[in-house]
Every structure is written in structure tokens, then in C-alpha cells.
Amino acid sequence: MIPPYRVVTPRLVLRCWQPTDAPRVVESITASLDHLRATMLWAANEPQSVEDKAQLLRKFRGQFDLGQDFIYGVFDRDEANVLGGCGLHPRVYEGGIEIGYWIDARHLRQGYATELTAALTRVCFEVLKLDRVEIHVHLDNLASQGIPKKLGFIHEATLGRRCPSPNGVGARTIWTMFRDAYQPTIAVEAFDCLDRRVL
């Protein structure tokens, strides 16, 4: 099943990227490079031109439509500002999905990553009916270590030399929530590709 195309929380809109978002994405990533390069491998290829970013966003949208990978932009409620990006990645064992996220450095420490993670967790269990949600965090990313813990995920493992980053290969922590431990923690509205409400 394909996740919702648009997810709305009290402060955020998560939606599929559009090529027209490219200028704002480039601006957001460029303003956050030092922050992102510490733990995000993809940041080694940044900054990209607006044209290259538009092509990448088209690829993300195509993967979403084909049910391969599900990458969202993170916006404020009126969608005037790009606050980051996130995704649901079906690259873990059957029955589960991995949540990933990044936040624009200018909008850190406002609880946005926690809010979007809580919303996507709710989507995973209530819309997609999955058994397991995982969050994989670079061991050096101390701020991100606190997010799954705050939301009730359990720390299942720390794996050495499993998390490549621009600064070399570091350790990865794996946090998991299972369906039988899930409790909703946030109000969420979610809509499919025809803008029909599914949550």
C-alpha cells in the first residue's frame, strides 16, 4: 500500500516534493550544509543546482507513485517555508518501514522532527497497518537519538561501522516500535493522491 501523499499535523505539512519546490529546497539545504554533512551521506553531493534538484525531486515523486520509496517535503502549515525533509523507506525486513528525517538548521530545536516522526508513526500503524516502525540514527547525532526515545521506541541495537557519513563510517543505533506498543501521541490528518482523507 502506498502511504498518504499529504500528512497534516498541528504545525506541519508533509507532502510529496514537486519539481517547483527545487529553489526552496536548494536554499534550505545550502543554509544547513554544515549541520547536514556531519551525519547525512547524501549531503556530500550538495549543494546542487536548482535544475539538478528539480530532476532529483522528479525522481523522488516517481518512486513515490511507483510504491518504491516515499520521500516528503516538510513545510509549515501554509507551505510558505521548507523546514526539512523526511521519508518512509521500505528497506527493512518485511512488515516494517524505516522513518528518516532532516531539519533545516535554521529551524532546529523547535520539536519539528519529533512532531513529524510521531505523525509518520501514526500513519504507519493506522493507515499502512504495519507491524514495525524503525528509526536508524548515526551514533554521533545526539539530538536525533532523543526523538525515538521520547516517542516510546525501544533501542534494539547499536551496530558498529554500519552508518556511512561524509566523516567516515560510524556506528548506527536502531530504534523500533512494534504495533502492540503503539499509542497515538499527535493529531494527524492524512490524504491520498486524490485528496481523499484516509486518517
N, C-alpha and C. Protein backbone atom coordinates (compact mmCIF):
# COMPACT_ATOMS: atom_id res chain seq x y z
N MET A 1 0.84 -1.20 0.00
CA MET A 1 0.00 0.00 0.00
C MET A 1 0.87 1.24 0.00
N ILE A 2 0.47 2.24 -0.78
CA ILE A 2 1.22 3.50 -0.85
C ILE A 2 0.76 4.41 0.28
N PRO A 3 1.69 5.04 0.99
CA PRO A 3 1.30 5.94 2.08
C PRO A 3 0.54 7.16 1.57
N PRO A 4 -0.03 7.93 2.48
CA PRO A 4 -0.69 9.17 2.09
C PRO A 4 0.28 10.11 1.36
N TYR A 5 -0.26 10.88 0.45
CA TYR A 5 0.54 11.86 -0.28
C TYR A 5 0.72 13.15 0.52
N ARG A 6 -0.17 13.37 1.47
CA ARG A 6 -0.13 14.61 2.27
C ARG A 6 -0.53 14.27 3.69
N VAL A 7 0.29 14.73 4.64
CA VAL A 7 0.05 14.49 6.06
C VAL A 7 0.11 15.85 6.76
N VAL A 8 -0.91 16.14 7.56
CA VAL A 8 -1.01 17.44 8.22
C VAL A 8 -1.01 17.24 9.73
N THR A 9 -0.14 17.97 10.41
CA THR A 9 -0.03 17.93 11.87
C THR A 9 -0.41 19.31 12.41
N PRO A 10 -0.40 19.51 13.71
CA PRO A 10 -0.73 20.85 14.23
C PRO A 10 0.11 21.99 13.65
N ARG A 11 1.39 21.71 13.33
CA ARG A 11 2.26 22.79 12.84
C ARG A 11 2.84 22.54 11.45
N LEU A 12 2.69 21.35 10.91
CA LEU A 12 3.44 20.96 9.71
C LEU A 12 2.54 20.39 8.63
N VAL A 13 3.04 20.50 7.40
CA VAL A 13 2.51 19.75 6.27
C VAL A 13 3.65 18.92 5.70
N LEU A 14 3.43 17.62 5.60
CA LEU A 14 4.36 16.72 4.92
C LEU A 14 3.69 16.33 3.62
N ARG A 15 4.35 16.56 2.51
CA ARG A 15 3.76 16.20 1.22
C ARG A 15 4.85 15.81 0.24
N CYS A 16 4.43 15.14 -0.83
CA CYS A 16 5.37 14.77 -1.88
C CYS A 16 6.04 16.03 -2.42
N TRP A 17 7.35 15.92 -2.64
CA TRP A 17 8.05 17.02 -3.30
C TRP A 17 7.52 17.20 -4.72
N GLN A 18 7.53 18.43 -5.19
CA GLN A 18 7.24 18.78 -6.57
C GLN A 18 8.47 19.44 -7.17
N PRO A 19 8.71 19.31 -8.48
CA PRO A 19 9.86 19.98 -9.09
C PRO A 19 9.88 21.48 -8.81
N THR A 20 8.70 22.10 -8.68
CA THR A 20 8.65 23.53 -8.40
C THR A 20 9.17 23.90 -7.01
N ASP A 21 9.35 22.89 -6.15
CA ASP A 21 9.93 23.14 -4.82
C ASP A 21 11.45 23.31 -4.87
N ALA A 22 12.06 23.00 -6.02
CA ALA A 22 13.52 22.93 -6.09
C ALA A 22 14.24 24.17 -5.59
N PRO A 23 13.86 25.39 -5.99
CA PRO A 23 14.60 26.56 -5.48
C PRO A 23 14.60 26.65 -3.96
N ARG A 24 13.46 26.36 -3.34
CA ARG A 24 13.38 26.44 -1.87
C ARG A 24 14.16 25.31 -1.21
N VAL A 25 14.19 24.14 -1.84
CA VAL A 25 14.96 23.02 -1.27
C VAL A 25 16.44 23.34 -1.33
N VAL A 26 16.90 23.85 -2.46
CA VAL A 26 18.32 24.21 -2.59
C VAL A 26 18.69 25.25 -1.55
N GLU A 27 17.84 26.24 -1.36
CA GLU A 27 18.12 27.28 -0.37
C GLU A 27 18.17 26.71 1.04
N SER A 28 17.26 25.81 1.37
CA SER A 28 17.21 25.21 2.70
C SER A 28 18.43 24.34 2.96
N ILE A 29 18.78 23.51 2.00
CA ILE A 29 19.94 22.62 2.18
C ILE A 29 21.22 23.42 2.25
N THR A 30 21.35 24.42 1.40
CA THR A 30 22.57 25.24 1.40
C THR A 30 22.76 25.93 2.74
N ALA A 31 21.67 26.38 3.35
CA ALA A 31 21.76 27.02 4.66
C ALA A 31 22.07 26.04 5.78
N SER A 32 21.97 24.73 5.48
CA SER A 32 22.11 23.70 6.51
C SER A 32 23.30 22.77 6.28
N LEU A 33 24.18 23.12 5.35
CA LEU A 33 25.21 22.17 4.93
C LEU A 33 26.09 21.68 6.07
N ASP A 34 26.59 22.58 6.90
CA ASP A 34 27.47 22.15 8.00
C ASP A 34 26.73 21.17 8.91
N HIS A 35 25.50 21.47 9.19
CA HIS A 35 24.66 20.62 10.04
C HIS A 35 24.42 19.26 9.40
N LEU A 36 24.10 19.25 8.12
CA LEU A 36 23.74 18.00 7.45
C LEU A 36 24.94 17.12 7.14
N ARG A 37 26.05 17.72 6.78
CA ARG A 37 27.22 16.93 6.37
C ARG A 37 27.80 16.10 7.51
N ALA A 38 27.50 16.46 8.73
CA ALA A 38 28.04 15.70 9.85
C ALA A 38 27.50 14.28 9.91
N THR A 39 26.25 14.06 9.47
CA THR A 39 25.65 12.73 9.62
C THR A 39 24.89 12.22 8.41
N MET A 40 24.66 13.04 7.40
CA MET A 40 23.87 12.63 6.24
C MET A 40 24.77 12.40 5.03
N LEU A 41 24.87 11.16 4.59
CA LEU A 41 25.75 10.82 3.48
C LEU A 41 25.39 11.58 2.22
N TRP A 42 24.09 11.74 1.94
CA TRP A 42 23.67 12.43 0.72
C TRP A 42 24.12 13.88 0.67
N ALA A 43 24.41 14.48 1.83
CA ALA A 43 24.81 15.88 1.87
C ALA A 43 26.19 16.11 1.25
N ALA A 44 26.96 15.03 1.06
CA ALA A 44 28.27 15.17 0.41
C ALA A 44 28.12 15.65 -1.03
N ASN A 45 26.96 15.42 -1.64
CA ASN A 45 26.71 15.83 -3.02
C ASN A 45 26.03 17.19 -3.13
N GLU A 46 25.95 17.89 -2.03
CA GLU A 46 25.30 19.19 -2.01
C GLU A 46 26.35 20.30 -1.90
N PRO A 47 26.02 21.51 -2.36
CA PRO A 47 24.74 21.91 -2.93
C PRO A 47 24.62 21.54 -4.40
N GLN A 48 23.39 21.26 -4.81
CA GLN A 48 23.09 21.02 -6.21
C GLN A 48 22.50 22.29 -6.83
N SER A 49 22.55 22.34 -8.15
CA SER A 49 21.87 23.44 -8.85
C SER A 49 20.35 23.24 -8.74
N VAL A 50 19.62 24.28 -8.99
CA VAL A 50 18.16 24.18 -8.97
C VAL A 50 17.69 23.18 -10.02
N GLU A 51 18.33 23.17 -11.19
CA GLU A 51 17.94 22.25 -12.25
C GLU A 51 18.17 20.80 -11.83
N ASP A 52 19.34 20.52 -11.24
CA ASP A 52 19.63 19.16 -10.79
C ASP A 52 18.69 18.74 -9.66
N LYS A 53 18.39 19.67 -8.77
CA LYS A 53 17.49 19.35 -7.66
C LYS A 53 16.09 19.06 -8.19
N ALA A 54 15.65 19.81 -9.19
CA ALA A 54 14.32 19.56 -9.77
C ALA A 54 14.26 18.15 -10.35
N GLN A 55 15.32 17.70 -10.99
CA GLN A 55 15.35 16.34 -11.53
C GLN A 55 15.31 15.31 -10.41
N LEU A 56 16.02 15.58 -9.32
CA LEU A 56 16.01 14.66 -8.18
C LEU A 56 14.61 14.59 -7.56
N LEU A 57 13.94 15.73 -7.43
CA LEU A 57 12.59 15.74 -6.88
C LEU A 57 11.62 15.00 -7.78
N ARG A 58 11.83 15.08 -9.09
CA ARG A 58 11.01 14.29 -10.03
C ARG A 58 11.22 12.79 -9.79
N LYS A 59 12.48 12.42 -9.55
CA LYS A 59 12.78 11.01 -9.26
C LYS A 59 12.09 10.57 -7.97
N PHE A 60 12.18 11.41 -6.93
CA PHE A 60 11.52 11.08 -5.67
C PHE A 60 10.02 10.88 -5.88
N ARG A 61 9.40 11.78 -6.65
CA ARG A 61 7.97 11.68 -6.89
C ARG A 61 7.65 10.41 -7.68
N GLY A 62 8.48 10.08 -8.65
CA GLY A 62 8.26 8.86 -9.42
C GLY A 62 8.35 7.62 -8.55
N GLN A 63 9.34 7.58 -7.66
CA GLN A 63 9.46 6.45 -6.74
C GLN A 63 8.24 6.35 -5.83
N PHE A 64 7.74 7.49 -5.39
CA PHE A 64 6.54 7.51 -4.55
C PHE A 64 5.37 6.90 -5.31
N ASP A 65 5.13 7.40 -6.52
CA ASP A 65 4.00 6.93 -7.32
C ASP A 65 4.09 5.44 -7.64
N LEU A 66 5.32 4.93 -7.79
CA LEU A 66 5.52 3.52 -8.12
C LEU A 66 5.56 2.61 -6.88
N GLY A 67 5.45 3.21 -5.69
CA GLY A 67 5.45 2.41 -4.46
C GLY A 67 6.81 1.89 -4.07
N GLN A 68 7.89 2.59 -4.47
CA GLN A 68 9.25 2.12 -4.21
C GLN A 68 9.88 2.77 -2.98
N ASP A 69 9.67 4.05 -2.80
CA ASP A 69 10.22 4.80 -1.68
C ASP A 69 9.35 6.04 -1.53
N PHE A 70 9.29 6.59 -0.30
CA PHE A 70 8.27 7.61 -0.03
C PHE A 70 8.92 8.80 0.68
N ILE A 71 9.32 9.78 -0.11
CA ILE A 71 10.06 10.92 0.41
C ILE A 71 9.17 12.16 0.37
N TYR A 72 9.09 12.83 1.51
CA TYR A 72 8.23 14.00 1.68
C TYR A 72 9.06 15.26 1.92
N GLY A 73 8.50 16.39 1.50
CA GLY A 73 8.99 17.67 1.98
C GLY A 73 8.29 18.00 3.29
N VAL A 74 8.97 18.74 4.14
CA VAL A 74 8.39 19.20 5.41
C VAL A 74 8.23 20.71 5.31
N PHE A 75 7.00 21.18 5.47
CA PHE A 75 6.66 22.59 5.32
C PHE A 75 5.91 23.08 6.55
N ASP A 76 5.90 24.41 6.73
CA ASP A 76 4.99 24.96 7.73
C ASP A 76 3.56 24.85 7.20
N ARG A 77 2.58 25.20 8.04
CA ARG A 77 1.19 24.90 7.69
C ARG A 77 0.71 25.59 6.41
N ASP A 78 1.23 26.79 6.10
CA ASP A 78 0.80 27.44 4.86
C ASP A 78 1.71 27.10 3.69
N GLU A 79 2.66 26.20 3.93
CA GLU A 79 3.60 25.72 2.91
C GLU A 79 4.46 26.85 2.33
N ALA A 80 4.66 27.90 3.11
CA ALA A 80 5.49 29.02 2.66
C ALA A 80 6.97 28.73 2.83
N ASN A 81 7.32 27.88 3.81
CA ASN A 81 8.72 27.63 4.12
C ASN A 81 9.02 26.14 4.14
N VAL A 82 10.15 25.77 3.54
CA VAL A 82 10.67 24.40 3.65
C VAL A 82 11.38 24.29 4.99
N LEU A 83 10.94 23.35 5.82
CA LEU A 83 11.55 23.16 7.14
C LEU A 83 12.46 21.94 7.18
N GLY A 84 12.42 21.11 6.14
CA GLY A 84 13.25 19.91 6.10
C GLY A 84 12.68 18.89 5.14
N GLY A 85 13.06 17.66 5.36
CA GLY A 85 12.57 16.55 4.55
C GLY A 85 12.46 15.31 5.41
N CYS A 86 11.66 14.35 4.95
CA CYS A 86 11.52 13.10 5.69
C CYS A 86 11.09 12.02 4.73
N GLY A 87 11.04 10.80 5.22
CA GLY A 87 10.63 9.72 4.34
C GLY A 87 10.25 8.46 5.08
N LEU A 88 9.51 7.63 4.37
CA LEU A 88 9.21 6.27 4.79
C LEU A 88 9.92 5.36 3.81
N HIS A 89 10.86 4.57 4.33
CA HIS A 89 11.75 3.80 3.47
C HIS A 89 11.52 2.30 3.71
N PRO A 90 10.97 1.59 2.71
CA PRO A 90 10.71 0.15 2.87
C PRO A 90 11.95 -0.69 2.61
N ARG A 91 13.05 -0.32 3.26
CA ARG A 91 14.30 -1.04 3.05
C ARG A 91 14.66 -1.94 4.24
N VAL A 92 13.69 -2.12 5.11
CA VAL A 92 13.89 -3.02 6.25
C VAL A 92 13.05 -4.27 6.03
N TYR A 93 13.19 -5.23 6.90
CA TYR A 93 12.54 -6.54 6.72
C TYR A 93 11.03 -6.40 6.56
N GLU A 94 10.44 -7.34 5.86
CA GLU A 94 9.00 -7.34 5.56
C GLU A 94 8.16 -7.09 6.82
N GLY A 95 7.14 -6.26 6.66
CA GLY A 95 6.25 -5.93 7.77
C GLY A 95 6.64 -4.66 8.48
N GLY A 96 7.77 -4.06 8.06
CA GLY A 96 8.24 -2.84 8.71
C GLY A 96 8.61 -1.78 7.71
N ILE A 97 8.93 -0.61 8.23
CA ILE A 97 9.37 0.51 7.41
C ILE A 97 10.29 1.37 8.27
N GLU A 98 11.18 2.10 7.63
CA GLU A 98 12.10 2.98 8.35
C GLU A 98 11.69 4.43 8.13
N ILE A 99 11.67 5.22 9.19
CA ILE A 99 11.44 6.65 9.11
C ILE A 99 12.79 7.36 9.11
N GLY A 100 12.97 8.28 8.16
CA GLY A 100 14.15 9.13 8.13
C GLY A 100 13.72 10.59 8.10
N TYR A 101 14.60 11.49 8.50
CA TYR A 101 14.24 12.91 8.54
C TYR A 101 15.47 13.78 8.62
N TRP A 102 15.33 15.02 8.17
CA TRP A 102 16.31 16.07 8.40
C TRP A 102 15.56 17.39 8.57
N ILE A 103 16.13 18.29 9.33
CA ILE A 103 15.51 19.59 9.58
C ILE A 103 16.48 20.69 9.21
N ASP A 104 15.98 21.70 8.53
CA ASP A 104 16.74 22.89 8.18
C ASP A 104 17.41 23.44 9.45
N ALA A 105 18.69 23.75 9.36
CA ALA A 105 19.45 24.19 10.54
C ALA A 105 18.85 25.43 11.18
N ARG A 106 18.14 26.23 10.43
CA ARG A 106 17.54 27.46 10.97
C ARG A 106 16.28 27.18 11.77
N HIS A 107 15.82 25.92 11.75
CA HIS A 107 14.56 25.57 12.44
C HIS A 107 14.76 24.43 13.44
N LEU A 108 15.99 24.25 13.89
CA LEU A 108 16.27 23.20 14.87
C LEU A 108 15.73 23.57 16.24
N ARG A 109 15.59 22.53 17.08
CA ARG A 109 15.19 22.68 18.48
C ARG A 109 13.82 23.34 18.64
N GLN A 110 12.95 23.07 17.70
CA GLN A 110 11.56 23.53 17.82
C GLN A 110 10.60 22.35 17.85
N GLY A 111 11.15 21.13 17.92
CA GLY A 111 10.31 19.95 18.03
C GLY A 111 9.73 19.45 16.72
N TYR A 112 10.20 19.98 15.59
CA TYR A 112 9.63 19.57 14.31
C TYR A 112 9.93 18.11 13.98
N ALA A 113 11.15 17.67 14.24
CA ALA A 113 11.50 16.27 13.93
C ALA A 113 10.66 15.31 14.78
N THR A 114 10.44 15.65 16.03
CA THR A 114 9.59 14.81 16.89
C THR A 114 8.16 14.80 16.38
N GLU A 115 7.66 15.96 15.99
CA GLU A 115 6.28 16.06 15.51
C GLU A 115 6.07 15.26 14.22
N LEU A 116 6.99 15.38 13.29
CA LEU A 116 6.80 14.65 12.03
C LEU A 116 6.99 13.16 12.23
N THR A 117 7.88 12.77 13.12
CA THR A 117 8.09 11.34 13.39
C THR A 117 6.86 10.73 14.06
N ALA A 118 6.27 11.46 14.99
CA ALA A 118 5.04 10.98 15.62
C ALA A 118 3.93 10.82 14.59
N ALA A 119 3.84 11.79 13.66
CA ALA A 119 2.80 11.73 12.63
C ALA A 119 3.02 10.55 11.69
N LEU A 120 4.25 10.36 11.23
CA LEU A 120 4.52 9.25 10.32
C LEU A 120 4.35 7.90 11.02
N THR A 121 4.68 7.84 12.30
CA THR A 121 4.46 6.60 13.05
C THR A 121 2.98 6.26 13.08
N ARG A 122 2.16 7.28 13.29
CA ARG A 122 0.71 7.05 13.29
C ARG A 122 0.23 6.58 11.92
N VAL A 123 0.73 7.19 10.86
CA VAL A 123 0.38 6.75 9.51
C VAL A 123 0.78 5.30 9.28
N CYS A 124 1.96 4.94 9.74
CA CYS A 124 2.45 3.56 9.53
C CYS A 124 1.54 2.53 10.18
N PHE A 125 1.11 2.80 11.39
CA PHE A 125 0.29 1.82 12.11
C PHE A 125 -1.19 1.91 11.76
N GLU A 126 -1.71 3.10 11.56
CA GLU A 126 -3.15 3.26 11.38
C GLU A 126 -3.60 3.24 9.92
N VAL A 127 -2.73 3.65 9.01
CA VAL A 127 -3.09 3.64 7.58
C VAL A 127 -2.46 2.44 6.88
N LEU A 128 -1.16 2.26 7.06
CA LEU A 128 -0.45 1.18 6.37
C LEU A 128 -0.58 -0.16 7.08
N LYS A 129 -1.01 -0.14 8.34
CA LYS A 129 -1.24 -1.36 9.12
C LYS A 129 0.03 -2.21 9.25
N LEU A 130 1.17 -1.54 9.42
CA LEU A 130 2.44 -2.24 9.56
C LEU A 130 2.59 -2.81 10.97
N ASP A 131 3.50 -3.75 11.11
CA ASP A 131 3.78 -4.36 12.41
C ASP A 131 4.92 -3.65 13.14
N ARG A 132 5.79 -2.95 12.38
CA ARG A 132 7.02 -2.44 12.98
C ARG A 132 7.47 -1.16 12.26
N VAL A 133 7.91 -0.20 13.05
CA VAL A 133 8.50 1.03 12.53
C VAL A 133 9.89 1.17 13.13
N GLU A 134 10.87 1.49 12.28
CA GLU A 134 12.25 1.62 12.74
C GLU A 134 12.77 3.03 12.47
N ILE A 135 13.69 3.47 13.31
CA ILE A 135 14.44 4.70 13.10
C ILE A 135 15.91 4.34 13.28
N HIS A 136 16.72 4.63 12.25
CA HIS A 136 18.15 4.37 12.31
C HIS A 136 18.86 5.71 12.45
N VAL A 137 19.69 5.85 13.47
CA VAL A 137 20.31 7.13 13.78
C VAL A 137 21.82 6.96 13.91
N HIS A 138 22.56 7.84 13.27
CA HIS A 138 24.02 7.86 13.45
C HIS A 138 24.31 8.10 14.93
N LEU A 139 25.21 7.33 15.49
CA LEU A 139 25.50 7.41 16.93
C LEU A 139 25.92 8.81 17.35
N ASP A 140 26.58 9.54 16.46
CA ASP A 140 27.05 10.89 16.80
C ASP A 140 25.93 11.94 16.76
N ASN A 141 24.77 11.58 16.23
CA ASN A 141 23.68 12.53 16.12
C ASN A 141 22.86 12.51 17.41
N LEU A 142 23.37 13.18 18.41
CA LEU A 142 22.79 13.11 19.75
C LEU A 142 21.37 13.66 19.80
N ALA A 143 21.09 14.71 19.05
CA ALA A 143 19.74 15.27 19.07
C ALA A 143 18.73 14.26 18.53
N SER A 144 19.10 13.56 17.45
CA SER A 144 18.18 12.58 16.88
C SER A 144 18.04 11.34 17.75
N GLN A 145 19.02 11.05 18.57
CA GLN A 145 18.90 9.89 19.47
C GLN A 145 17.72 10.07 20.44
N GLY A 146 17.44 11.33 20.80
CA GLY A 146 16.38 11.56 21.77
C GLY A 146 14.98 11.45 21.22
N ILE A 147 14.83 11.55 19.90
CA ILE A 147 13.48 11.58 19.31
C ILE A 147 12.76 10.24 19.45
N PRO A 148 13.35 9.13 19.00
CA PRO A 148 12.62 7.86 19.17
C PRO A 148 12.39 7.50 20.64
N LYS A 149 13.36 7.83 21.46
CA LYS A 149 13.20 7.55 22.90
C LYS A 149 12.01 8.30 23.46
N LYS A 150 11.88 9.58 23.10
CA LYS A 150 10.78 10.40 23.57
C LYS A 150 9.43 9.85 23.12
N LEU A 151 9.39 9.23 21.95
CA LEU A 151 8.14 8.73 21.39
C LEU A 151 7.82 7.29 21.78
N GLY A 152 8.67 6.68 22.60
CA GLY A 152 8.38 5.34 23.09
C GLY A 152 8.97 4.21 22.27
N PHE A 153 9.85 4.52 21.32
CA PHE A 153 10.57 3.47 20.60
C PHE A 153 11.56 2.82 21.56
N ILE A 154 11.89 1.55 21.30
CA ILE A 154 12.88 0.87 22.12
C ILE A 154 14.20 0.80 21.35
N HIS A 155 15.29 0.92 22.09
CA HIS A 155 16.62 0.81 21.47
C HIS A 155 16.94 -0.68 21.34
N GLU A 156 17.02 -1.14 20.10
CA GLU A 156 17.26 -2.56 19.86
C GLU A 156 18.72 -2.90 19.66
N ALA A 157 19.49 -1.98 19.07
CA ALA A 157 20.88 -2.34 18.76
C ALA A 157 21.70 -1.09 18.46
N THR A 158 23.00 -1.22 18.70
CA THR A 158 23.99 -0.28 18.20
C THR A 158 24.96 -1.09 17.37
N LEU A 159 25.05 -0.77 16.10
CA LEU A 159 25.87 -1.55 15.16
C LEU A 159 27.08 -0.72 14.75
N GLY A 160 28.26 -1.23 15.02
CA GLY A 160 29.49 -0.53 14.68
C GLY A 160 29.78 -0.54 13.20
N ARG A 161 30.34 0.55 12.72
CA ARG A 161 30.79 0.70 11.33
C ARG A 161 29.70 0.30 10.33
N ARG A 162 28.46 0.73 10.59
CA ARG A 162 27.34 0.43 9.68
C ARG A 162 26.68 1.68 9.13
N CYS A 163 27.17 2.86 9.50
CA CYS A 163 26.48 4.08 9.10
C CYS A 163 27.45 5.02 8.40
N PRO A 164 27.56 4.91 7.07
CA PRO A 164 28.48 5.79 6.36
C PRO A 164 28.03 7.24 6.45
N SER A 165 28.98 8.13 6.54
CA SER A 165 28.70 9.55 6.56
C SER A 165 29.88 10.25 5.89
N PRO A 166 29.76 11.53 5.57
CA PRO A 166 30.88 12.24 4.96
C PRO A 166 32.14 12.23 5.81
N ASN A 167 32.00 12.01 7.12
CA ASN A 167 33.16 12.00 8.02
C ASN A 167 33.70 10.60 8.26
N GLY A 168 33.26 9.64 7.48
CA GLY A 168 33.71 8.27 7.66
C GLY A 168 32.57 7.38 8.10
N VAL A 169 32.87 6.16 8.41
CA VAL A 169 31.85 5.19 8.79
C VAL A 169 31.74 5.14 10.31
N GLY A 170 30.56 5.37 10.81
CA GLY A 170 30.35 5.37 12.25
C GLY A 170 29.35 4.30 12.67
N ALA A 171 28.98 4.37 13.92
CA ALA A 171 28.02 3.40 14.46
C ALA A 171 26.59 3.88 14.21
N ARG A 172 25.69 2.93 14.07
CA ARG A 172 24.27 3.21 13.85
C ARG A 172 23.47 2.61 14.99
N THR A 173 22.55 3.39 15.53
CA THR A 173 21.62 2.85 16.52
C THR A 173 20.29 2.57 15.83
N ILE A 174 19.65 1.50 16.24
CA ILE A 174 18.36 1.12 15.68
C ILE A 174 17.31 1.16 16.77
N TRP A 175 16.27 1.96 16.54
CA TRP A 175 15.16 2.13 17.46
C TRP A 175 13.91 1.57 16.79
N THR A 176 13.09 0.86 17.53
CA THR A 176 11.93 0.17 16.95
C THR A 176 10.69 0.37 17.82
N MET A 177 9.56 0.52 17.14
CA MET A 177 8.28 0.44 17.81
C MET A 177 7.46 -0.64 17.12
N PHE A 178 6.87 -1.53 17.93
CA PHE A 178 6.01 -2.58 17.41
C PHE A 178 4.55 -2.18 17.60
N ARG A 179 3.71 -2.74 16.76
CA ARG A 179 2.29 -2.39 16.76
C ARG A 179 1.66 -2.53 18.15
N ASP A 180 2.01 -3.58 18.89
CA ASP A 180 1.34 -3.81 20.17
C ASP A 180 1.78 -2.82 21.26
N ALA A 181 2.81 -2.01 20.97
CA ALA A 181 3.24 -0.99 21.93
C ALA A 181 2.82 0.41 21.51
N TYR A 182 2.21 0.53 20.35
CA TYR A 182 1.90 1.84 19.79
C TYR A 182 0.72 2.51 20.49
N GLN A 183 0.90 3.80 20.78
CA GLN A 183 -0.16 4.67 21.28
C GLN A 183 -0.07 5.98 20.52
N PRO A 184 -1.17 6.47 19.91
CA PRO A 184 -1.10 7.74 19.20
C PRO A 184 -0.76 8.89 20.15
N THR A 185 0.09 9.81 19.67
CA THR A 185 0.53 10.92 20.51
C THR A 185 0.27 12.28 19.87
N ILE A 186 -0.36 12.31 18.68
CA ILE A 186 -0.49 13.57 17.97
C ILE A 186 -1.73 13.52 17.07
N ALA A 187 -2.36 14.67 16.89
CA ALA A 187 -3.47 14.78 15.94
C ALA A 187 -2.90 14.83 14.53
N VAL A 188 -3.45 14.02 13.64
CA VAL A 188 -2.95 13.91 12.27
C VAL A 188 -4.12 13.80 11.31
N GLU A 189 -4.02 14.48 10.19
CA GLU A 189 -4.89 14.27 9.05
C GLU A 189 -4.03 13.80 7.90
N ALA A 190 -4.50 12.84 7.13
CA ALA A 190 -3.73 12.31 6.01
C ALA A 190 -4.63 12.11 4.81
N PHE A 191 -4.07 12.36 3.61
CA PHE A 191 -4.86 12.38 2.39
C PHE A 191 -4.15 11.59 1.29
N ASP A 192 -4.92 10.87 0.49
CA ASP A 192 -4.33 10.08 -0.59
C ASP A 192 -4.10 10.93 -1.83
N CYS A 193 -3.73 10.29 -2.96
CA CYS A 193 -3.38 11.03 -4.17
C CYS A 193 -4.56 11.76 -4.79
N LEU A 194 -5.77 11.39 -4.42
CA LEU A 194 -6.98 12.09 -4.89
C LEU A 194 -7.49 13.08 -3.85
N ASP A 195 -6.67 13.35 -2.85
CA ASP A 195 -7.00 14.28 -1.77
C ASP A 195 -8.19 13.80 -0.94
N ARG A 196 -8.38 12.49 -0.88
CA ARG A 196 -9.39 11.90 0.00
C ARG A 196 -8.76 11.63 1.35
N ARG A 197 -9.48 11.95 2.41
CA ARG A 197 -8.92 11.76 3.75
C ARG A 197 -8.87 10.27 4.09
N VAL A 198 -7.70 9.82 4.53
CA VAL A 198 -7.52 8.42 4.93
C VAL A 198 -7.20 8.30 6.41
N LEU A 199 -7.02 9.40 7.08
CA LEU A 199 -6.79 9.41 8.54
C LEU A 199 -7.24 10.75 9.09
